[in-house]
Protein backbone atom coordinates (compact mmCIF):
# COMPACT_ATOMS: atom_id res chain seq x y z
CA MET A 1 80.58 92.34 117.50
CA SER A 2 82.84 94.78 115.63
CA ASP A 3 84.92 91.85 114.30
CA ARG A 4 81.77 90.21 112.93
CA ILE A 5 80.77 93.47 111.25
CA ASP A 6 84.25 93.83 109.72
CA ILE A 7 84.08 90.26 108.40
CA ALA A 8 80.62 90.89 106.94
CA ARG A 9 81.86 94.02 105.17
CA HIS A 10 84.90 92.16 103.89
CA LEU A 11 82.75 89.37 102.45
CA ALA A 12 80.41 91.93 100.88
CA LEU A 13 83.39 93.57 99.18
CA TYR A 14 84.52 90.27 97.66
CA SER A 15 80.94 89.52 96.61
CA ASP A 16 80.93 92.82 94.70
CA LEU A 17 84.00 91.57 92.85
CA GLY A 18 82.31 88.33 91.80
CA VAL A 19 83.93 86.03 94.38
CA ASP A 20 81.24 83.60 95.50
CA GLY A 21 83.17 81.13 97.66
CA ILE A 22 86.33 80.41 99.58
CA SER A 23 88.30 77.29 100.48
CA ARG A 24 90.24 76.33 103.60
CA ASP A 25 92.25 73.80 101.62
CA ARG A 26 95.86 75.04 101.84
CA ALA A 27 96.88 73.03 98.79
CA TRP A 28 94.17 74.80 96.78
CA ARG A 29 95.46 78.16 97.99
CA ARG A 30 99.03 77.26 97.00
CA ARG A 31 97.86 76.27 93.54
CA GLU A 32 96.12 79.63 93.18
CA GLU A 33 99.26 81.48 94.28
CA ASP A 34 101.51 79.42 92.01
CA GLN A 35 99.27 80.18 89.06
CA ALA A 36 99.34 83.85 89.91
CA LEU A 37 103.14 83.88 90.11
CA GLY A 38 103.56 81.93 86.88
CA VAL A 39 102.24 84.78 84.83
CA GLY A 40 103.38 86.40 81.60
CA PRO A 41 102.48 86.25 77.95
CA SER A 42 104.85 83.32 77.43
CA ALA A 43 103.06 81.34 80.16
CA LEU A 44 99.73 82.22 78.62
CA GLY A 45 100.84 81.37 75.09
CA ALA A 46 100.52 84.98 73.94
CA PRO A 47 103.31 86.98 72.25
CA GLU A 48 104.72 90.16 73.69
CA PRO A 49 103.77 93.26 71.68
CA GLU A 50 106.74 94.47 69.66
CA ASN A 51 106.91 97.85 71.36
CA SER A 52 106.29 96.79 74.95
CA GLU A 53 109.97 97.18 75.91
CA GLY A 54 110.42 100.49 74.12
CA PRO A 55 110.62 103.86 75.79
CA GLY A 56 107.25 105.00 74.47
CA PRO A 57 106.47 108.41 73.01
CA SER A 58 108.83 111.18 74.03
CA ALA A 59 107.60 114.58 75.14
CA GLN A 60 109.11 116.45 72.22
CA GLY A 61 109.12 120.17 72.80
CA LEU A 62 108.11 119.74 76.43
CA THR A 63 110.10 120.56 79.51
CA VAL A 64 111.20 117.39 81.26
CA ALA A 65 109.84 117.84 84.77
CA ARG A 66 111.85 116.93 87.87
CA ASN A 67 108.76 116.03 89.89
CA LEU A 68 104.98 115.77 89.60
CA ASP A 69 104.41 119.34 90.80
CA GLU A 70 106.58 120.66 87.99
CA LEU A 71 104.75 118.47 85.49
CA ARG A 72 101.37 119.67 86.75
CA ALA A 73 102.56 123.28 86.35
CA GLU A 74 103.88 122.52 82.85
CA ILE A 75 100.46 121.25 81.76
CA GLY A 76 98.65 124.10 83.52
CA PRO A 77 95.13 124.13 84.96
CA LEU A 78 93.55 125.11 81.62
CA CYS A 79 95.68 123.46 78.95
CA THR A 80 94.99 124.60 75.36
CA ARG A 81 97.20 122.14 73.46
CA CYS A 82 94.35 120.20 71.83
CA LYS A 83 90.77 120.84 70.74
CA LEU A 84 89.26 119.54 73.98
CA CYS A 85 89.85 122.95 75.54
CA THR A 86 87.12 124.29 73.23
CA LEU A 87 84.67 121.40 73.68
CA GLY A 88 83.27 122.03 77.13
CA ARG A 89 85.78 120.60 79.55
CA LYS A 90 85.99 122.49 82.85
CA GLN A 91 89.56 121.70 83.95
CA VAL A 92 92.60 119.49 83.56
CA VAL A 93 92.41 116.27 85.59
CA PHE A 94 96.07 115.58 86.33
CA GLY A 95 96.26 112.51 88.57
CA VAL A 96 96.12 111.62 92.25
CA GLY A 97 97.80 109.36 94.78
CA ASN A 98 101.17 108.36 96.12
CA PRO A 99 104.01 109.89 94.02
CA ASN A 100 106.21 106.92 95.00
CA ALA A 101 103.58 104.25 94.40
CA ASP A 102 104.54 100.70 93.46
CA LEU A 103 101.16 100.31 91.74
CA MET A 104 99.68 102.71 89.17
CA PHE A 105 96.29 102.58 87.46
CA VAL A 106 95.80 104.22 84.07
CA GLY A 107 92.36 104.89 82.61
CA GLU A 108 91.42 106.52 79.34
CA ALA A 109 89.90 109.96 80.12
CA PRO A 110 88.01 111.88 82.79
CA GLY A 111 84.22 111.72 82.91
CA ALA A 112 81.72 114.31 84.10
CA ASP A 113 82.32 113.74 87.82
CA GLU A 114 86.08 113.85 87.34
CA ASP A 115 85.86 117.01 85.24
CA GLN A 116 83.81 118.65 87.97
CA LYS A 117 86.08 117.63 90.85
CA GLY A 118 89.45 117.66 89.09
CA GLU A 119 90.36 114.14 90.29
CA PRO A 120 90.35 110.86 88.31
CA PHE A 121 87.92 108.04 89.09
CA VAL A 122 85.56 109.69 91.56
CA GLY A 123 82.22 108.67 90.01
CA ARG A 124 80.50 105.27 90.09
CA ALA A 125 83.35 103.62 88.19
CA GLY A 126 85.79 105.22 90.59
CA GLN A 127 83.91 103.85 93.59
CA LEU A 128 84.22 100.37 92.09
CA LEU A 129 87.93 100.95 91.43
CA THR A 130 88.34 101.87 95.10
CA LYS A 131 86.76 98.51 96.06
CA ILE A 132 89.09 96.71 93.67
CA ILE A 133 92.11 98.41 95.24
CA GLU A 134 90.88 97.59 98.75
CA ALA A 135 90.34 93.94 97.76
CA ILE A 136 94.12 93.48 97.36
CA GLY A 137 94.81 95.09 100.73
CA MET A 138 95.61 98.63 99.58
CA THR A 139 93.96 102.05 99.58
CA ARG A 140 93.75 104.84 97.04
CA ASP A 141 96.43 106.67 99.04
CA ASP A 142 98.82 103.75 98.40
CA VAL A 143 98.53 103.83 94.60
CA TYR A 144 98.65 106.44 91.84
CA ILE A 145 95.72 106.94 89.44
CA ALA A 146 95.84 108.83 86.14
CA ASN A 147 94.36 108.84 82.64
CA VAL A 148 95.85 108.77 79.15
CA ILE A 149 94.28 112.15 78.40
CA LYS A 150 93.73 114.80 81.05
CA CYS A 151 90.54 116.50 79.79
CA ARG A 152 87.02 115.17 79.42
CA PRO A 153 85.90 114.44 75.84
CA PRO A 154 82.40 115.80 75.12
CA GLY A 155 79.66 113.35 76.01
CA ASN A 156 82.29 110.96 77.39
CA ARG A 157 83.11 109.84 73.85
CA ASN A 158 86.29 107.86 73.19
CA PRO A 159 89.53 109.84 72.99
CA GLU A 160 90.50 110.66 69.42
CA PRO A 161 93.98 109.89 68.03
CA ASP A 162 95.11 113.52 67.89
CA GLU A 163 94.04 114.06 71.51
CA VAL A 164 95.94 110.98 72.65
CA ALA A 165 99.03 111.98 70.66
CA THR A 166 99.02 115.43 72.25
CA CYS A 167 98.47 114.32 75.83
CA GLU A 168 100.18 110.96 76.23
CA PRO A 169 103.70 112.42 76.59
CA PHE A 170 102.51 113.85 79.90
CA LEU A 171 101.35 110.40 80.99
CA PHE A 172 104.74 108.92 80.11
CA GLN A 173 106.43 111.64 82.15
CA GLN A 174 104.15 110.76 85.07
CA ILE A 175 105.16 107.12 84.77
CA ASP A 176 108.86 108.00 84.61
CA LEU A 177 108.58 110.21 87.70
CA ILE A 178 106.55 107.75 89.79
CA LYS A 179 108.53 104.68 88.68
CA PRO A 180 105.82 102.16 89.61
CA ARG A 181 106.67 98.48 89.69
CA ILE A 182 103.29 97.58 88.18
CA ILE A 183 100.80 99.41 85.97
CA VAL A 184 97.22 98.27 85.50
CA ALA A 185 95.78 99.56 82.21
CA LEU A 186 92.04 99.98 82.68
CA GLY A 187 90.18 99.27 79.48
CA THR A 188 90.79 99.19 75.76
CA HIS A 189 92.00 102.73 75.18
CA ALA A 190 94.50 102.76 78.03
CA ALA A 191 95.93 99.40 76.93
CA HIS A 192 96.14 100.51 73.29
CA ALA A 193 97.86 103.79 74.18
CA LEU A 194 100.41 102.17 76.46
CA LEU A 195 101.18 99.02 74.47
CA LYS A 196 100.71 100.43 70.95
CA THR A 197 98.47 97.58 69.87
CA ASP A 198 94.93 97.25 68.57
CA ALA A 199 94.28 93.85 70.16
CA PRO A 200 90.90 93.57 71.91
CA ILE A 201 90.95 93.99 75.68
CA SER A 202 89.26 90.59 76.07
CA ARG A 203 92.39 89.01 74.59
CA MET A 204 94.91 91.22 76.42
CA ARG A 205 93.44 91.19 79.91
CA GLY A 206 95.42 89.31 82.49
CA GLN A 207 98.62 89.16 80.43
CA VAL A 208 101.79 90.57 81.98
CA HIS A 209 103.86 92.76 79.66
CA ASN A 210 107.34 94.19 80.17
CA PHE A 211 107.09 97.94 79.80
CA ARG A 212 109.50 100.90 79.86
CA GLY A 213 112.55 99.24 81.33
CA GLY A 214 111.12 96.63 83.67
CA ILE A 215 107.66 97.79 84.73
CA LYS A 216 105.07 95.02 84.68
CA LEU A 217 101.93 96.13 82.83
CA ILE A 218 98.66 94.20 83.13
CA PRO A 219 95.58 95.23 81.11
CA THR A 220 92.15 94.54 82.56
CA PHE A 221 88.57 95.65 82.04
CA HIS A 222 87.60 99.21 82.88
CA PRO A 223 85.40 99.61 85.99
CA ALA A 224 82.77 101.37 83.87
CA PHE A 225 82.52 98.21 81.74
CA LEU A 226 82.05 96.15 84.91
CA LEU A 227 79.10 98.33 85.88
CA ARG A 228 77.46 97.33 82.58
CA SER A 229 78.70 93.73 82.64
CA PRO A 230 79.01 92.65 86.28
CA GLU A 231 79.54 89.04 85.24
CA ARG A 232 83.09 90.04 84.20
CA LYS A 233 84.08 91.13 87.73
CA ARG A 234 85.52 87.69 88.36
CA ASP A 235 87.93 88.19 85.43
CA VAL A 236 89.17 91.43 86.98
CA TRP A 237 89.54 89.73 90.35
CA GLU A 238 91.75 87.08 88.71
CA ASP A 239 93.83 89.85 87.14
CA MET A 240 94.16 91.65 90.47
CA LYS A 241 95.34 88.47 92.17
CA LYS A 242 98.21 88.49 89.67
CA VAL A 243 98.91 92.11 90.58
CA ARG A 244 98.91 91.22 94.27
CA ALA A 245 101.30 88.32 93.67
CA LEU A 246 103.70 90.51 91.70
CA LEU A 247 103.65 93.16 94.41
CA ALA A 248 104.60 90.48 96.94
CA GLU A 249 107.74 89.60 95.00
CA PRO A 250 111.00 91.19 96.23
CA ASP A 251 112.26 94.23 94.31
């Protein structure tokens, strides 16, 4: 009975992600896997962004931390480096997960639930992100999750350029310390900050970019967008199959 319950829960999870059928045809499965492995902007007919191989913004004037604990201490629990400290945020939301993760997710900014708890992606969008992670056979403890900016903008508005410019050096230090093999950029603002492009997320999603010395970066839709547009869950599932295939490749 427990096996049947586990199978039912597993199927419900995939249903949440927009998967409405399976096939036992092994040839079909191989075609799916081959397509997932043959990824990259060149395979998709899309150019690499000019700055995707570059080192990204440097943390000028900041101490280069030796580990995540040092970086967290450098930022401090009540950072005052940008105007968000005066606009109602409760605390810095640093990041959470495995400091040696192969897979890292980057969102744009904390929301109200995250600001209250001090942890990224804990609200409704975070619950969906957890399902997405579990769908590729991982848990939140296996990955690392962070945001471009570490404080909640008032009313959950979009991050402003000066806020991103002030905070993104900390994100790049996080990336350099964790050294993930793959980064998933969740949504427009994360993709724009990381890739230094203004291309729409609908065009960028699913493409594999080379980033910061060999990391594979894949933009996809933000879980909050999926809550508003559940018909796009299948697109994210296709993107996550690419992530899963890349993770299966040898180092």
